[in-house]
Structures are given as C-alpha cells and as structure tokens.
C-alpha cells in the first residue's frame, strides 16, 4: 500500500482524525477547549481557535461557545 493511499488514525484529546488530512489541507484550524477537563474553571465556555496552517502567521483567537445556539461569538475586549 502506498503512503498516499494510507492514512494513520491519530488520537488527540478524545477525538479521532486522519493525520493525512491535515497534510493535504490548505488550511487547518485547531479547536481547544481549556476547561473540558474542569481544570480551568475561570475559562468556562471559552474556546481557543488556533490558526495552524494556511495563514501568513499562526495565531490564536479566543471566543465564547454558546451551545444552545450552536455558535461561537467574539469575546468583548478588556
């Protein structure tokens, strides 16, 4: 089997993804929930969106997750 037709199953933070998919993608955004394990209660419903590939610079945006509306919204500055 060629490496192009083979992909590895990876496990990260309880979710599965195909490692080859990130290599072939034009853009990759990682979603990190710091309080998922209950270790950062001050971060509550916050989510970090991490631009990992496809942008001139890597960066992180912190947003609030509103599960009742199935959306993420900007946090107020300051």
Protein backbone atom coordinates (compact mmCIF):
# COMPACT_ATOMS: atom_id res chain seq x y z
CA UNK A 1 0.00 0.00 0.00
CA UNK A 2 1.44 3.39 -0.96
CA UNK A 3 1.84 6.16 1.60
CA UNK A 4 -0.59 8.31 -0.43
CA UNK A 5 -3.40 5.78 -0.07
CA UNK A 6 -2.61 5.01 3.56
CA UNK A 7 -3.56 7.30 6.43
CA UNK A 8 -2.89 6.92 10.12
CA UNK A 9 -5.55 7.16 12.76
CA UNK A 10 -4.41 9.59 15.43
CA UNK A 11 -5.96 10.23 18.82
CA UNK A 12 -5.90 13.75 20.29
CA UNK A 13 -7.95 14.98 23.25
CA UNK A 14 -10.61 12.32 22.87
CA UNK A 15 -11.32 12.84 19.17
CA UNK A 16 -10.11 10.93 16.12
CA UNK A 17 -8.88 12.45 12.89
CA UNK A 18 -6.90 11.34 9.87
CA UNK A 19 -3.27 12.53 10.03
CA UNK A 20 -3.02 12.65 6.23
CA UNK A 21 -5.95 15.04 6.05
CA UNK A 22 -4.03 17.83 7.83
CA UNK A 23 -1.08 17.31 5.47
CA UNK A 24 -3.29 17.69 2.38
CA UNK A 25 -5.48 20.54 3.67
CA UNK A 26 -4.98 24.12 2.54
CA UNK A 27 -5.96 25.50 5.95
CA UNK A 28 -6.09 23.97 9.43
CA UNK A 29 -7.85 25.47 12.47
CA UNK A 30 -7.50 23.67 15.79
CA UNK A 31 -10.25 24.00 18.40
CA UNK A 32 -9.05 23.86 22.00
CA UNK A 33 -11.41 23.89 24.99
CA UNK A 34 -9.24 24.64 28.06
CA UNK A 35 -11.95 23.76 30.59
CA UNK A 36 -13.05 20.47 29.03
CA UNK A 37 -11.46 18.52 31.90
CA UNK A 38 -12.57 21.00 34.56
CA UNK A 39 -9.04 22.23 35.18
CA UNK A 40 -9.62 25.86 34.09
CA UNK A 41 -12.98 26.93 35.57
CA UNK A 42 -12.16 30.62 35.01
CA UNK A 43 -12.23 29.92 31.25
CA UNK A 44 -15.78 28.48 31.45
CA UNK A 45 -17.29 28.41 27.96
CA UNK A 46 -14.21 29.84 26.23
CA UNK A 47 -12.71 28.17 23.18
CA UNK A 48 -9.31 28.83 21.59
CA UNK A 49 -9.30 28.80 17.78
CA UNK A 50 -5.71 28.21 16.65
CA UNK A 51 -4.76 29.00 13.04
CA UNK A 52 -2.19 26.29 12.44
CA UNK A 53 -1.80 26.25 8.65
CA UNK A 54 -2.83 28.31 5.64
CA UNK A 55 -2.33 31.83 7.04
CA UNK A 56 0.71 34.12 6.85
CA UNK A 57 1.16 33.82 10.64
CA UNK A 58 -0.07 31.27 13.14
CA UNK A 59 -2.30 32.81 15.78
CA UNK A 60 -4.99 32.23 18.37
CA UNK A 61 -8.43 33.79 18.79
CA UNK A 62 -10.41 33.29 21.99
CA UNK A 63 -14.19 33.04 21.51
CA UNK A 64 -17.18 32.05 23.65
CA UNK A 65 -19.07 28.87 22.79
CA UNK A 66 -22.87 29.12 23.00
CA UNK A 67 -24.04 25.51 22.66
CA UNK A 68 -27.74 26.41 22.82
CA UNK A 69 -27.32 28.36 19.56
CA UNK A 70 -24.62 26.10 18.04
CA UNK A 71 -22.26 29.04 17.55
CA UNK A 72 -19.09 30.73 18.71
CA UNK A 73 -19.04 34.52 19.30
CA UNK A 74 -16.33 37.11 19.91
CA UNK A 75 -15.49 37.96 23.49
CA UNK A 76 -15.70 41.63 24.44
CA UNK A 77 -12.29 43.31 24.63
CA UNK A 78 -11.00 44.31 28.02
